[in-house]
PDB file of all heavy atoms in Angstrom:
ATOM      1  N   ARG A   1     -31.767 271.493  53.437  1.00  0.00           N
ATOM      2  CA  ARG A   1     -32.732 270.512  53.995  1.00  0.00           C
ATOM      3  C   ARG A   1     -32.378 270.075  55.399  1.00  0.00           C
ATOM      4  O   ARG A   1     -31.224 270.162  55.834  1.00  0.00           O
ATOM      5  CB  ARG A   1     -32.798 269.259  53.079  1.00  0.00           C
ATOM      6  CG  ARG A   1     -33.287 269.521  51.661  1.00  0.00           C
ATOM      7  CD  ARG A   1     -34.737 270.030  51.657  1.00  0.00           C
ATOM      8  NE  ARG A   1     -35.252 270.184  50.345  1.00  0.00           N
ATOM      9  CZ  ARG A   1     -35.894 269.253  49.669  1.00  0.00           C
ATOM     10  NH1 ARG A   1     -36.099 268.066  50.161  1.00  0.00           N
ATOM     11  NH2 ARG A   1     -36.351 269.481  48.425  1.00  0.00           N
ATOM     12  N   CYS A   2     -33.363 269.574  56.083  1.00  0.00           N
ATOM     13  CA  CYS A   2     -33.195 268.981  57.419  1.00  0.00           C
ATOM     14  C   CYS A   2     -32.444 269.913  58.354  1.00  0.00           C
ATOM     15  O   CYS A   2     -31.422 269.515  58.946  1.00  0.00           O
ATOM     16  CB  CYS A   2     -32.495 267.651  57.340  1.00  0.00           C
ATOM     17  SG  CYS A   2     -33.275 266.445  56.237  1.00  0.00           S
ATOM     18  N   VAL A   3     -32.880 271.143  58.448  1.00  0.00           N
ATOM     19  CA  VAL A   3     -32.242 272.041  59.430  1.00  0.00           C
ATOM     20  C   VAL A   3     -32.369 271.454  60.813  1.00  0.00           C
ATOM     21  O   VAL A   3     -33.478 271.097  61.234  1.00  0.00           O
ATOM     22  CB  VAL A   3     -32.887 273.464  59.354  1.00  0.00           C
ATOM     23  CG1 VAL A   3     -32.247 274.373  60.395  1.00  0.00           C
ATOM     24  CG2 VAL A   3     -32.744 274.039  57.945  1.00  0.00           C
ATOM     25  N   PHE A   4     -31.287 271.335  61.486  1.00  0.00           N
ATOM     26  CA  PHE A   4     -31.296 270.643  62.808  1.00  0.00           C
ATOM     27  C   PHE A   4     -30.335 271.355  63.753  1.00  0.00           C
ATOM     28  O   PHE A   4     -29.487 272.145  63.366  1.00  0.00           O
ATOM     29  CB  PHE A   4     -30.970 269.169  62.680  1.00  0.00           C
ATOM     30  CG  PHE A   4     -29.537 268.855  62.347  1.00  0.00           C
ATOM     31  CD1 PHE A   4     -28.685 268.327  63.314  1.00  0.00           C
ATOM     32  CD2 PHE A   4     -29.021 269.091  61.082  1.00  0.00           C
ATOM     33  CE1 PHE A   4     -27.368 268.051  62.999  1.00  0.00           C
ATOM     34  CE2 PHE A   4     -27.711 268.822  60.782  1.00  0.00           C
ATOM     35  CZ  PHE A   4     -26.874 268.301  61.715  1.00  0.00           C
ATOM     36  N   ARG A   5     -30.486 270.981  65.032  1.00  0.00           N
ATOM     37  CA  ARG A   5     -29.701 271.615  66.108  1.00  0.00           C
ATOM     38  C   ARG A   5     -28.900 270.519  66.834  1.00  0.00           C
ATOM     39  O   ARG A   5     -29.418 269.405  67.069  1.00  0.00           O
ATOM     40  CB  ARG A   5     -30.689 272.284  67.064  1.00  0.00           C
ATOM     41  CG  ARG A   5     -30.091 272.861  68.320  1.00  0.00           C
ATOM     42  CD  ARG A   5     -31.196 273.672  69.038  1.00  0.00           C
ATOM     43  NE  ARG A   5     -30.759 274.144  70.312  1.00  0.00           N
ATOM     44  CZ  ARG A   5     -31.190 273.654  71.458  1.00  0.00           C
ATOM     45  NH1 ARG A   5     -32.033 272.681  71.502  1.00  0.00           N
ATOM     46  NH2 ARG A   5     -30.735 274.182  72.595  1.00  0.00           N
ATOM     47  N   VAL A   6     -27.651 270.831  67.113  1.00  0.00           N
ATOM     48  CA  VAL A   6     -26.821 269.976  67.939  1.00  0.00           C
ATOM     49  C   VAL A   6     -26.696 270.557  69.341  1.00  0.00           C
ATOM     50  O   VAL A   6     -26.421 271.759  69.462  1.00  0.00           O
ATOM     51  CB  VAL A   6     -25.452 269.742  67.297  1.00  0.00           C
ATOM     52  CG1 VAL A   6     -24.544 268.935  68.235  1.00  0.00           C
ATOM     53  CG2 VAL A   6     -25.585 269.036  65.934  1.00  0.00           C
ATOM     54  N   VAL A   7     -26.877 269.766  70.353  1.00  0.00           N
ATOM     55  CA  VAL A   7     -26.675 270.230  71.714  1.00  0.00           C
ATOM     56  C   VAL A   7     -25.561 269.346  72.315  1.00  0.00           C
ATOM     57  O   VAL A   7     -25.361 268.213  71.934  1.00  0.00           O
ATOM     58  CB  VAL A   7     -27.936 270.136  72.561  1.00  0.00           C
ATOM     59  CG1 VAL A   7     -29.023 271.057  72.042  1.00  0.00           C
ATOM     60  CG2 VAL A   7     -28.530 268.699  72.570  1.00  0.00           C
ATOM     61  N   ASP A   8     -24.829 269.940  73.252  1.00  0.00           N
ATOM     62  CA  ASP A   8     -23.766 269.161  73.921  1.00  0.00           C
ATOM     63  C   ASP A   8     -23.669 269.587  75.381  1.00  0.00           C
ATOM     64  O   ASP A   8     -24.382 270.434  75.833  1.00  0.00           O
ATOM     65  CB  ASP A   8     -22.408 269.348  73.197  1.00  0.00           C
ATOM     66  CG  ASP A   8     -21.941 270.779  73.164  1.00  0.00           C
ATOM     67  OD1 ASP A   8     -22.044 271.454  74.193  1.00  0.00           O
ATOM     68  OD2 ASP A   8     -21.422 271.245  72.131  1.00  0.00           O
ATOM     69  N   HIS A   9     -22.739 268.959  76.081  1.00  0.00           N
ATOM     70  CA  HIS A   9     -22.512 269.274  77.487  1.00  0.00           C
ATOM     71  C   HIS A   9     -21.168 269.996  77.660  1.00  0.00           C
ATOM     72  O   HIS A   9     -20.435 269.804  78.628  1.00  0.00           O
ATOM     73  CB  HIS A   9     -22.543 267.985  78.340  1.00  0.00           C
ATOM     74  CG  HIS A   9     -23.870 267.337  78.426  1.00  0.00           C
ATOM     75  ND1 HIS A   9     -24.963 267.952  78.928  1.00  0.00           N
ATOM     76  CD2 HIS A   9     -24.287 266.122  78.028  1.00  0.00           C
ATOM     77  CE1 HIS A   9     -26.028 267.180  78.917  1.00  0.00           C
ATOM     78  NE2 HIS A   9     -25.622 266.058  78.315  1.00  0.00           N
ATOM     79  N   PHE A  10     -20.821 270.792  76.676  1.00  0.00           N
ATOM     80  CA  PHE A  10     -19.598 271.609  76.677  1.00  0.00           C
ATOM     81  C   PHE A  10     -18.392 270.684  76.839  1.00  0.00           C
ATOM     82  O   PHE A  10     -17.551 270.846  77.724  1.00  0.00           O
ATOM     83  CB  PHE A  10     -19.642 272.631  77.802  1.00  0.00           C
ATOM     84  CG  PHE A  10     -18.586 273.703  77.607  1.00  0.00           C
ATOM     85  CD1 PHE A  10     -18.394 274.279  76.381  1.00  0.00           C
ATOM     86  CD2 PHE A  10     -17.823 274.126  78.669  1.00  0.00           C
ATOM     87  CE1 PHE A  10     -17.418 275.280  76.191  1.00  0.00           C
ATOM     88  CE2 PHE A  10     -16.854 275.109  78.526  1.00  0.00           C
ATOM     89  CZ  PHE A  10     -16.662 275.677  77.289  1.00  0.00           C
ATOM     90  N   GLN A  11     -18.247 269.731  75.900  1.00  0.00           N
ATOM     91  CA  GLN A  11     -17.116 268.828  75.909  1.00  0.00           C
ATOM     92  C   GLN A  11     -15.925 269.477  75.216  1.00  0.00           C
ATOM     93  O   GLN A  11     -14.789 269.089  75.443  1.00  0.00           O
ATOM     94  CB  GLN A  11     -17.489 267.537  75.186  1.00  0.00           C
ATOM     95  CG  GLN A  11     -18.647 266.769  75.841  1.00  0.00           C
ATOM     96  CD  GLN A  11     -19.458 266.023  74.775  1.00  0.00           C
ATOM     97  OE1 GLN A  11     -19.959 266.593  73.808  1.00  0.00           O
ATOM     98  NE2 GLN A  11     -19.674 264.746  75.037  1.00  0.00           N
ATOM     99  N   ALA A  12     -16.195 270.440  74.349  1.00  0.00           N
ATOM    100  CA  ALA A  12     -15.109 271.128  73.605  1.00  0.00           C
ATOM    101  C   ALA A  12     -15.690 272.446  73.109  1.00  0.00           C
ATOM    102  O   ALA A  12     -16.843 272.757  73.352  1.00  0.00           O
ATOM    103  CB  ALA A  12     -14.642 270.253  72.466  1.00  0.00           C
ATOM    104  N   HIS A  13     -14.846 273.187  72.375  1.00  0.00           N
ATOM    105  CA  HIS A  13     -15.245 274.494  71.909  1.00  0.00           C
ATOM    106  C   HIS A  13     -14.929 274.594  70.416  1.00  0.00           C
ATOM    107  O   HIS A  13     -13.840 274.161  70.008  1.00  0.00           O
ATOM    108  CB  HIS A  13     -14.520 275.570  72.720  1.00  0.00           C
ATOM    109  CG  HIS A  13     -15.142 276.934  72.504  1.00  0.00           C
ATOM    110  ND1 HIS A  13     -16.436 277.251  72.856  1.00  0.00           N
ATOM    111  CD2 HIS A  13     -14.589 278.106  72.079  1.00  0.00           C
ATOM    112  CE1 HIS A  13     -16.666 278.544  72.603  1.00  0.00           C
ATOM    113  NE2 HIS A  13     -15.563 279.061  72.134  1.00  0.00           N
ATOM    114  N   GLY A  14     -15.815 275.104  69.628  1.00  0.00           N
ATOM    115  CA  GLY A  14     -15.578 275.260  68.191  1.00  0.00           C
ATOM    116  C   GLY A  14     -16.674 274.583  67.371  1.00  0.00           C
ATOM    117  O   GLY A  14     -17.870 274.693  67.686  1.00  0.00           O
ATOM    118  N   LEU A  15     -16.283 273.853  66.309  1.00  0.00           N
ATOM    119  CA  LEU A  15     -17.217 273.187  65.440  1.00  0.00           C
ATOM    120  C   LEU A  15     -17.293 271.718  65.653  1.00  0.00           C
ATOM    121  O   LEU A  15     -18.358 271.079  65.599  1.00  0.00           O
ATOM    122  CB  LEU A  15     -16.833 273.440  63.973  1.00  0.00           C
ATOM    123  CG  LEU A  15     -17.280 274.786  63.369  1.00  0.00           C
ATOM    124  CD1 LEU A  15     -16.763 274.863  61.916  1.00  0.00           C
ATOM    125  CD2 LEU A  15     -18.790 274.879  63.364  1.00  0.00           C
ATOM    126  N   VAL A  16     -16.151 271.044  65.933  1.00  0.00           N
ATOM    127  CA  VAL A  16     -16.098 269.576  65.961  1.00  0.00           C
ATOM    128  C   VAL A  16     -15.389 269.161  67.244  1.00  0.00           C
ATOM    129  O   VAL A  16     -14.360 269.747  67.623  1.00  0.00           O
ATOM    130  CB  VAL A  16     -15.322 269.025  64.746  1.00  0.00           C
ATOM    131  CG1 VAL A  16     -15.316 267.517  64.767  1.00  0.00           C
ATOM    132  CG2 VAL A  16     -15.997 269.510  63.457  1.00  0.00           C
ATOM    133  N   ASP A  17     -15.938 268.145  67.900  1.00  0.00           N
ATOM    134  CA  ASP A  17     -15.307 267.523  69.078  1.00  0.00           C
ATOM    135  C   ASP A  17     -14.445 266.388  68.579  1.00  0.00           C
ATOM    136  O   ASP A  17     -14.892 265.321  68.282  1.00  0.00           O
ATOM    137  CB  ASP A  17     -16.381 267.022  70.038  1.00  0.00           C
ATOM    138  CG  ASP A  17     -15.782 266.507  71.314  1.00  0.00           C
ATOM    139  OD1 ASP A  17     -14.561 266.738  71.544  1.00  0.00           O
ATOM    140  OD2 ASP A  17     -16.471 265.829  72.071  1.00  0.00           O
ATOM    141  N   LEU A  18     -13.140 266.656  68.474  1.00  0.00           N
ATOM    142  CA  LEU A  18     -12.203 265.676  67.939  1.00  0.00           C
ATOM    143  C   LEU A  18     -11.954 264.564  68.952  1.00  0.00           C
ATOM    144  O   LEU A  18     -11.610 264.874  70.102  1.00  0.00           O
ATOM    145  CB  LEU A  18     -10.881 266.359  67.525  1.00  0.00           C
ATOM    146  CG  LEU A  18     -11.007 267.430  66.439  1.00  0.00           C
ATOM    147  CD1 LEU A  18      -9.640 268.092  66.269  1.00  0.00           C
ATOM    148  CD2 LEU A  18     -11.523 266.843  65.151  1.00  0.00           C
ATOM    149  N   PRO A  19     -12.035 263.326  68.559  1.00  0.00           N
ATOM    150  CA  PRO A  19     -11.596 262.244  69.482  1.00  0.00           C
ATOM    151  C   PRO A  19     -10.147 262.480  69.902  1.00  0.00           C
ATOM    152  O   PRO A  19      -9.297 262.807  69.057  1.00  0.00           O
ATOM    153  CB  PRO A  19     -11.740 260.982  68.616  1.00  0.00           C
ATOM    154  CG  PRO A  19     -12.730 261.360  67.534  1.00  0.00           C
ATOM    155  CD  PRO A  19     -12.508 262.814  67.266  1.00  0.00           C
ATOM    156  N   ARG A  20      -9.886 262.274  71.228  1.00  0.00           N
ATOM    157  CA  ARG A  20      -8.549 262.673  71.682  1.00  0.00           C
ATOM    158  C   ARG A  20      -8.203 261.870  72.997  1.00  0.00           C
ATOM    159  O   ARG A  20      -9.071 261.385  73.627  1.00  0.00           O
ATOM    160  CB  ARG A  20      -8.487 264.157  71.965  1.00  0.00           C
ATOM    161  CG  ARG A  20      -9.470 264.629  73.010  1.00  0.00           C
ATOM    162  CD  ARG A  20      -9.651 266.120  72.918  1.00  0.00           C
ATOM    163  NE  ARG A  20     -10.683 266.625  73.863  1.00  0.00           N
ATOM    164  CZ  ARG A  20     -11.959 266.682  73.527  1.00  0.00           C
ATOM    165  NH1 ARG A  20     -12.376 266.261  72.348  1.00  0.00           N
ATOM    166  NH2 ARG A  20     -12.851 267.145  74.420  1.00  0.00           N
ATOM    167  N   GLU A  21      -6.930 261.838  73.219  1.00  0.00           N
ATOM    168  CA  GLU A  21      -6.405 261.394  74.499  1.00  0.00           C
ATOM    169  C   GLU A  21      -5.101 262.147  74.765  1.00  0.00           C
ATOM    170  O   GLU A  21      -4.474 262.647  73.845  1.00  0.00           O
ATOM    171  CB  GLU A  21      -6.194 259.872  74.548  1.00  0.00           C
ATOM    172  CG  GLU A  21      -5.136 259.343  73.577  1.00  0.00           C
ATOM    173  CD  GLU A  21      -4.993 257.845  73.654  1.00  0.00           C
ATOM    174  OE1 GLU A  21      -5.926 257.155  74.077  1.00  0.00           O
ATOM    175  OE2 GLU A  21      -3.874 257.374  73.373  1.00  0.00           O
ATOM    176  N   TRP A  22      -4.718 262.208  76.010  1.00  0.00           N
ATOM    177  CA  TRP A  22      -3.524 262.947  76.420  1.00  0.00           C
ATOM    178  C   TRP A  22      -2.532 262.017  77.080  1.00  0.00           C
ATOM    179  O   TRP A  22      -2.898 261.120  77.843  1.00  0.00           O
ATOM    180  CB  TRP A  22      -3.908 264.043  77.436  1.00  0.00           C
ATOM    181  CG  TRP A  22      -5.047 264.928  77.036  1.00  0.00           C
ATOM    182  CD1 TRP A  22      -6.390 264.583  76.957  1.00  0.00           C
ATOM    183  CD2 TRP A  22      -4.968 266.292  76.668  1.00  0.00           C
ATOM    184  NE1 TRP A  22      -7.143 265.676  76.581  1.00  0.00           N
ATOM    185  CE2 TRP A  22      -6.305 266.767  76.396  1.00  0.00           C
ATOM    186  CE3 TRP A  22      -3.934 267.208  76.549  1.00  0.00           C
ATOM    187  CZ2 TRP A  22      -6.602 268.026  76.010  1.00  0.00           C
ATOM    188  CZ3 TRP A  22      -4.216 268.520  76.144  1.00  0.00           C
ATOM    189  CH2 TRP A  22      -5.531 268.889  75.862  1.00  0.00           C
ATOM    190  N   GLU A  23      -1.253 262.231  76.786  1.00  0.00           N
ATOM    191  CA  GLU A  23      -0.188 261.521  77.490  1.00  0.00           C
ATOM    192  C   GLU A  23       0.721 262.551  78.180  1.00  0.00           C
ATOM    193  O   GLU A  23       1.312 263.398  77.495  1.00  0.00           O
ATOM    194  CB  GLU A  23       0.636 260.669  76.526  1.00  0.00           C
ATOM    195  CG  GLU A  23       1.679 259.877  77.306  1.00  0.00           C
ATOM    196  CD  GLU A  23       2.466 258.940  76.386  1.00  0.00           C
ATOM    197  OE1 GLU A  23       1.835 258.339  75.449  1.00  0.00           O
ATOM    198  OE2 GLU A  23       3.659 258.743  76.612  1.00  0.00           O
ATOM    199  N   ILE A  24       0.746 262.473  79.485  1.00  0.00           N
ATOM    200  CA  ILE A  24       1.514 263.419  80.306  1.00  0.00           C
ATOM    201  C   ILE A  24       2.384 262.625  81.250  1.00  0.00           C
ATOM    202  O   ILE A  24       1.864 261.836  82.060  1.00  0.00           O
ATOM    203  CB  ILE A  24       0.580 264.404  81.044  1.00  0.00           C
ATOM    204  CG1 ILE A  24      -0.312 265.119  80.061  1.00  0.00           C
ATOM    205  CG2 ILE A  24       1.384 265.364  81.880  1.00  0.00           C
ATOM    206  CD1 ILE A  24      -1.407 265.944  80.726  1.00  0.00           C
ATOM    207  N   ASP A  25       3.709 262.815  81.179  1.00  0.00           N
ATOM    208  CA  ASP A  25       4.639 262.091  82.011  1.00  0.00           C
ATOM    209  C   ASP A  25       4.437 260.575  81.977  1.00  0.00           C
ATOM    210  O   ASP A  25       4.461 259.901  83.024  1.00  0.00           O
ATOM    211  CB  ASP A  25       4.573 262.597  83.438  1.00  0.00           C
ATOM    212  CG  ASP A  25       4.940 264.091  83.595  1.00  0.00           C
ATOM    213  OD1 ASP A  25       5.776 264.531  82.761  1.00  0.00           O
ATOM    214  OD2 ASP A  25       4.414 264.745  84.498  1.00  0.00           O
ATOM    215  N   GLY A  26       4.163 260.085  80.805  1.00  0.00           N
ATOM    216  CA  GLY A  26       4.027 258.645  80.627  1.00  0.00           C
ATOM    217  C   GLY A  26       2.649 258.092  80.959  1.00  0.00           C
ATOM    218  O   GLY A  26       2.450 256.901  80.830  1.00  0.00           O
ATOM    219  N   ARG A  27       1.741 258.898  81.365  1.00  0.00           N
ATOM    220  CA  ARG A  27       0.375 258.424  81.675  1.00  0.00           C
ATOM    221  C   ARG A  27      -0.623 258.962  80.655  1.00  0.00           C
ATOM    222  O   ARG A  27      -0.503 260.068  80.204  1.00  0.00           O
ATOM    223  CB  ARG A  27      -0.036 258.914  83.087  1.00  0.00           C
ATOM    224  CG  ARG A  27       0.653 258.186  84.188  1.00  0.00           C
ATOM    225  CD  ARG A  27       0.134 258.624  85.562  1.00  0.00           C
ATOM    226  NE  ARG A  27       0.688 257.819  86.642  1.00  0.00           N
ATOM    227  CZ  ARG A  27       0.393 257.997  87.933  1.00  0.00           C
ATOM    228  NH1 ARG A  27      -0.374 259.032  88.278  1.00  0.00           N
ATOM    229  NH2 ARG A  27       0.942 257.236  88.850  1.00  0.00           N
ATOM    230  N   THR A  28      -1.569 258.105  80.294  1.00  0.00           N
ATOM    231  CA  THR A  28      -2.521 258.444  79.281  1.00  0.00           C
ATOM    232  C   THR A  28      -3.849 258.829  79.920  1.00  0.00           C
ATOM    233  O   THR A  28      -4.292 258.139  80.840  1.00  0.00           O
ATOM    234  CB  THR A  28      -2.763 257.241  78.327  1.00  0.00           C
ATOM    235  OG1 THR A  28      -1.514 256.889  77.723  1.00  0.00           O
ATOM    236  CG2 THR A  28      -3.731 257.570  77.211  1.00  0.00           C
ATOM    237  N   TYR A  29      -4.413 259.919  79.405  1.00  0.00           N
ATOM    238  CA  TYR A  29      -5.681 260.452  79.958  1.00  0.00           C
ATOM    239  C   TYR A  29      -6.662 260.590  78.805  1.00  0.00           C
ATOM    240  O   TYR A  29      -6.318 260.992  77.679  1.00  0.00           O
ATOM    241  CB  TYR A  29      -5.463 261.802  80.627  1.00  0.00           C
ATOM    242  CG  TYR A  29      -4.498 261.821  81.742  1.00  0.00           C
ATOM    243  CD1 TYR A  29      -3.155 261.951  81.521  1.00  0.00           C
ATOM    244  CD2 TYR A  29      -4.934 261.739  83.081  1.00  0.00           C
ATOM    245  CE1 TYR A  29      -2.207 261.959  82.552  1.00  0.00           C
ATOM    246  CE2 TYR A  29      -4.048 261.745  84.105  1.00  0.00           C
ATOM    247  CZ  TYR A  29      -2.684 261.851  83.854  1.00  0.00           C
ATOM    248  OH  TYR A  29      -1.787 261.848  84.898  1.00  0.00           O
ATOM    249  N   LYS A  30      -7.950 260.275  79.109  1.00  0.00           N
ATOM    250  CA  LYS A  30      -9.028 260.543  78.183  1.00  0.00           C
ATOM    251  C   LYS A  30      -9.986 261.554  78.828  1.00  0.00           C
ATOM    252  O   LYS A  30     -10.084 261.590  80.021  1.00  0.00           O
ATOM    253  CB  LYS A  30      -9.765 259.263  77.830  1.00  0.00           C
ATOM    254  CG  LYS A  30      -8.919 258.307  76.977  1.00  0.00           C
ATOM    255  CD  LYS A  30      -9.690 257.033  76.535  1.00  0.00           C
ATOM    256  CE  LYS A  30      -8.827 256.174  75.684  1.00  0.00           C
ATOM    257  NZ  LYS A  30      -9.576 254.965  75.227  1.00  0.00           N
ATOM    258  N   PRO A  31     -10.738 262.318  78.027  1.00  0.00           N
ATOM    259  CA  PRO A  31     -11.632 263.339  78.595  1.00  0.00           C
ATOM    260  C   PRO A  31     -12.667 262.675  79.490  1.00  0.00           C
ATOM    261  O   PRO A  31     -13.174 261.600  79.244  1.00  0.00           O
ATOM    262  CB  PRO A  31     -12.334 263.922  77.350  1.00  0.00           C
ATOM    263  CG  PRO A  31     -11.406 263.665  76.243  1.00  0.00           C
ATOM    264  CD  PRO A  31     -10.740 262.322  76.550  1.00  0.00           C
ATOM    265  N   GLY A  32     -13.014 263.369  80.581  1.00  0.00           N
ATOM    266  CA  GLY A  32     -14.026 262.903  81.487  1.00  0.00           C
ATOM    267  C   GLY A  32     -13.896 263.423  82.886  1.00  0.00           C
ATOM    268  O   GLY A  32     -13.349 264.536  83.054  1.00  0.00           O
ATOM    269  N   GLY A  33     -14.342 262.656  83.866  1.00  0.00           N
ATOM    270  CA  GLY A  33     -14.361 263.143  85.252  1.00  0.00           C
ATOM    271  C   GLY A  33     -13.300 262.465  86.101  1.00  0.00           C
ATOM    272  O   GLY A  33     -12.135 262.572  85.895  1.00  0.00           O
ATOM    273  N   GLU A  34     -13.796 261.639  87.074  1.00  0.00           N
ATOM    274  CA  GLU A  34     -12.866 261.012  88.026  1.00  0.00           C
ATOM    275  C   GLU A  34     -11.977 259.993  87.290  1.00  0.00           C
ATOM    276  O   GLU A  34     -12.379 259.338  86.377  1.00  0.00           O
ATOM    277  CB  GLU A  34     -13.678 260.261  89.124  1.00  0.00           C
ATOM    278  CG  GLU A  34     -14.481 261.187  89.981  1.00  0.00           C
ATOM    279  CD  GLU A  34     -13.623 262.118  90.785  1.00  0.00           C
ATOM    280  OE1 GLU A  34     -12.515 261.696  91.156  1.00  0.00           O
ATOM    281  OE2 GLU A  34     -14.045 263.264  91.020  1.00  0.00           O
ATOM    282  N   GLY A  35     -10.708 259.916  87.727  1.00  0.00           N
ATOM    283  CA  GLY A  35      -9.762 259.010  87.072  1.00  0.00           C
ATOM    284  C   GLY A  35      -9.908 257.609  87.581  1.00  0.00           C
ATOM    285  O   GLY A  35     -10.357 257.337  88.672  1.00  0.00           O
ATOM    286  N   ARG A  36      -9.500 256.605  86.757  1.00  0.00           N
ATOM    287  CA  ARG A  36      -9.503 255.257  87.166  1.00  0.00           C
ATOM    288  C   ARG A  36      -8.319 254.570  86.447  1.00  0.00           C
ATOM    289  O   ARG A  36      -7.872 255.011  85.385  1.00  0.00           O
ATOM    290  CB  ARG A  36     -10.810 254.524  86.829  1.00  0.00           C
ATOM    291  CG  ARG A  36     -11.189 254.565  85.362  1.00  0.00           C
ATOM    292  CD  ARG A  36     -12.540 253.931  85.094  1.00  0.00           C
ATOM    293  NE  ARG A  36     -12.931 254.054  83.756  1.00  0.00           N
ATOM    294  CZ  ARG A  36     -12.666 253.182  82.774  1.00  0.00           C
ATOM    295  NH1 ARG A  36     -11.932 252.122  83.061  1.00  0.00           N
ATOM    296  NH2 ARG A  36     -13.054 253.381  81.538  1.00  0.00           N
ATOM    297  N   ARG A  37      -7.867 253.484  87.015  1.00  0.00           N
ATOM    298  CA  ARG A  37      -6.713 252.786  86.384  1.00  0.00           C
ATOM    299  C   ARG A  37      -7.197 251.593  85.636  1.00  0.00           C
ATOM    300  O   ARG A  37      -8.011 250.803  86.113  1.00  0.00           O
ATOM    301  CB  ARG A  37      -5.701 252.365  87.470  1.00  0.00           C
ATOM    302  CG  ARG A  37      -4.947 253.523  88.058  1.00  0.00           C
ATOM    303  CD  ARG A  37      -3.807 253.047  88.914  1.00  0.00           C
ATOM    304  NE  ARG A  37      -3.047 254.222  89.377  1.00  0.00           N
ATOM    305  CZ  ARG A  37      -2.074 254.787  88.707  1.00  0.00           C
ATOM    306  NH1 ARG A  37      -1.754 254.318  87.519  1.00  0.00           N
ATOM    307  NH2 ARG A  37      -1.418 255.798  89.167  1.00  0.00           N
ATOM    308  N   VAL A  38      -6.698 251.443  84.419  1.00  0.00           N
ATOM    309  CA  VAL A  38      -7.002 250.291  83.571  1.00  0.00           C
ATOM    310  C   VAL A  38      -5.650 249.761  83.072  1.00  0.00           C
ATOM    311  O   VAL A  38      -4.971 250.403  82.312  1.00  0.00           O
ATOM    312  CB  VAL A  38      -7.879 250.660  82.398  1.00  0.00           C
ATOM    313  CG1 VAL A  38      -8.135 249.445  81.556  1.00  0.00           C
ATOM    314  CG2 VAL A  38      -9.215 251.233  82.886  1.00  0.00           C
ATOM    315  N   ALA A  39      -5.343 248.506  83.490  1.00  0.00           N
ATOM    316  CA  ALA A  39      -4.077 247.831  83.062  1.00  0.00           C
ATOM    317  C   ALA A  39      -2.887 248.764  83.327  1.00  0.00           C
ATOM    318  O   ALA A  39      -1.988 248.901  82.465  1.00  0.00           O
ATOM    319  CB  ALA A  39      -4.201 247.464  81.604  1.00  0.00           C
ATOM    320  N   GLY A  40      -2.865 249.379  84.493  1.00  0.00           N
ATOM    321  CA  GLY A  40      -1.729 250.186  84.869  1.00  0.00           C
ATOM    322  C   GLY A  40      -1.730 251.577  84.292  1.00  0.00           C
ATOM    323  O   GLY A  40      -0.800 252.340  84.542  1.00  0.00           O
TER     324      GLY A  40
END
C-alpha cells in the first residue's frame, strides 16, 4: 500500500541517512556547508 517516492539532495548514499556528527582534533562538525562557531 501507499507506494511512494523519497527524494533528497544527496545528503548520503544507501538506504538511510543516519543522524551524525564528526569530531576531528577536538572539534565537532555536523553535515552541511559553511562552518560557524557555536559556544567555541
